């Protein structure tokens, strides 16, 4: 599967292709090494329906040329983003993106 990840910008930018399949990397590393490469902060919080947090990816392909909105709300407090499909939740296949490029971290607001 492929999708596109982009932010609204002025002027509009071309969407970047994204593969939307969970890697399972962090779970494996937790089991194998009893640790992880990315450690969420103490105030990490997974979005809930009560928090009204909404985050979407937009998938564009032959079957949905106008885009398909894909919600990313579940029990995770963060998503890793990068080129490496073994270490990231959201894979971005673009030369400007590094193997482990970014983390989208949800945090509680005090």
Protein backbone atom coordinates (compact mmCIF):
# COMPACT_ATOMS: atom_id res chain seq x y z
CA UNK A 1 0.00 0.00 0.00
CA UNK A 2 1.11 3.54 -0.55
CA UNK A 3 -0.13 6.89 0.66
CA UNK A 4 1.00 10.49 0.73
CA UNK A 5 2.01 12.63 3.67
CA UNK A 6 1.89 16.41 3.44
CA UNK A 7 1.12 19.54 5.38
CA UNK A 8 -0.91 22.41 4.01
CA UNK A 9 1.53 25.06 2.81
CA UNK A 10 1.39 28.21 0.77
CA UNK A 11 2.17 27.71 -2.06
CA UNK A 12 0.96 24.08 -2.09
CA UNK A 13 3.71 21.46 -2.17
CA UNK A 14 3.74 18.15 -4.02
CA UNK A 15 2.70 15.26 -1.73
CA UNK A 16 5.45 12.80 -0.71
CA UNK A 17 4.72 9.06 -1.29
CA UNK A 18 4.27 7.07 1.94
CA UNK A 19 3.94 3.33 2.66
CA UNK A 20 1.34 2.86 5.42
CA UNK A 21 2.24 -0.47 7.00
CA UNK A 22 3.32 -0.83 10.64
CA UNK A 23 6.93 -1.96 10.95
CA UNK A 24 6.66 -3.48 14.42
CA UNK A 25 10.29 -2.42 15.00
CA UNK A 26 9.88 -0.79 18.40
CA UNK A 27 7.91 -3.74 19.76
CA UNK A 28 10.62 -6.16 18.55
CA UNK A 29 13.40 -4.04 20.05
CA UNK A 30 11.58 -3.81 23.37
CA UNK A 31 11.36 -7.60 23.49
CA UNK A 32 14.91 -8.24 22.25
CA UNK A 33 16.89 -5.44 23.92
CA UNK A 34 14.49 -4.49 26.72
CA UNK A 35 14.76 -0.95 25.39
CA UNK A 36 14.14 1.18 22.35
CA UNK A 37 15.90 3.69 20.10
CA UNK A 38 13.21 6.29 20.79
CA UNK A 39 12.03 6.81 24.34
CA UNK A 40 8.81 8.83 24.68
CA UNK A 41 8.79 11.63 27.27
CA UNK A 42 7.08 11.18 30.63
CA UNK A 43 4.10 13.25 29.50
CA UNK A 44 3.49 11.11 26.39
CA UNK A 45 -0.22 10.57 25.80
CA UNK A 46 -2.04 8.60 23.14
CA UNK A 47 -4.88 10.55 21.53
CA UNK A 48 -8.34 9.44 22.56
CA UNK A 49 -11.80 10.23 21.27
CA UNK A 50 -12.24 12.48 24.32
CA UNK A 51 -9.15 14.54 23.45
CA UNK A 52 -10.61 15.50 20.04
CA UNK A 53 -7.14 15.05 18.51
CA UNK A 54 -7.29 14.21 14.83
CA UNK A 55 -4.37 13.25 12.61
CA UNK A 56 -4.77 12.02 9.05
CA UNK A 57 -2.68 10.81 6.16
CA UNK A 58 -4.05 11.32 2.68
CA UNK A 59 -3.63 8.46 0.22
CA UNK A 60 -3.54 9.24 -3.50
CA UNK A 61 -3.34 6.46 -6.11
CA UNK A 62 -5.15 5.16 -9.18
CA UNK A 63 -8.13 3.99 -7.12
CA UNK A 64 -8.42 7.29 -5.21
CA UNK A 65 -7.02 10.10 -7.42
CA UNK A 66 -8.80 12.75 -5.31
CA UNK A 67 -7.34 11.37 -2.10
CA UNK A 68 -8.52 9.05 0.63
CA UNK A 69 -8.39 10.32 4.22
CA UNK A 70 -6.78 7.76 6.57
CA UNK A 71 -7.18 8.44 10.32
CA UNK A 72 -4.17 7.64 12.52
CA UNK A 73 -5.74 7.36 15.93
CA UNK A 74 -5.07 4.33 18.07
CA UNK A 75 -3.30 3.51 21.32
CA UNK A 76 0.11 4.87 20.21
CA UNK A 77 1.52 8.07 21.71
CA UNK A 78 3.93 8.58 18.80
CA UNK A 79 4.69 7.66 15.19
CA UNK A 80 8.20 7.34 13.79
CA UNK A 81 8.71 8.71 10.27
CA UNK A 82 11.57 7.94 7.88
CA UNK A 83 12.84 6.06 4.85
CA UNK A 84 13.70 2.76 6.59
CA UNK A 85 10.69 0.39 6.61
CA UNK A 86 12.27 -1.70 9.38
CA UNK A 87 12.43 1.18 11.90
CA UNK A 88 9.48 3.46 11.10
CA UNK A 89 5.70 3.48 11.41
CA UNK A 90 5.31 5.86 8.45
CA UNK A 91 7.71 5.16 5.59
CA UNK A 92 8.50 8.07 3.25
CA UNK A 93 10.35 6.98 0.11
CA UNK A 94 11.98 10.28 -0.85
CA UNK A 95 15.64 11.25 -1.27
CA UNK A 96 15.19 14.23 1.08
CA UNK A 97 14.07 11.98 3.95
CA UNK A 98 16.63 10.20 6.17
CA UNK A 99 16.33 6.60 7.39
CA UNK A 100 14.96 7.72 10.78
CA UNK A 101 13.76 11.21 10.02
CA UNK A 102 11.23 12.32 12.63
CA UNK A 103 8.82 11.35 15.37
CA UNK A 104 5.27 12.63 15.69
CA UNK A 105 4.87 12.62 19.47
CA UNK A 106 1.57 13.25 21.26
CA UNK A 107 1.91 14.74 24.74
CA UNK A 108 -0.51 15.65 27.50
CA UNK A 109 -1.21 19.34 27.98
CA UNK A 110 -1.10 20.63 31.55
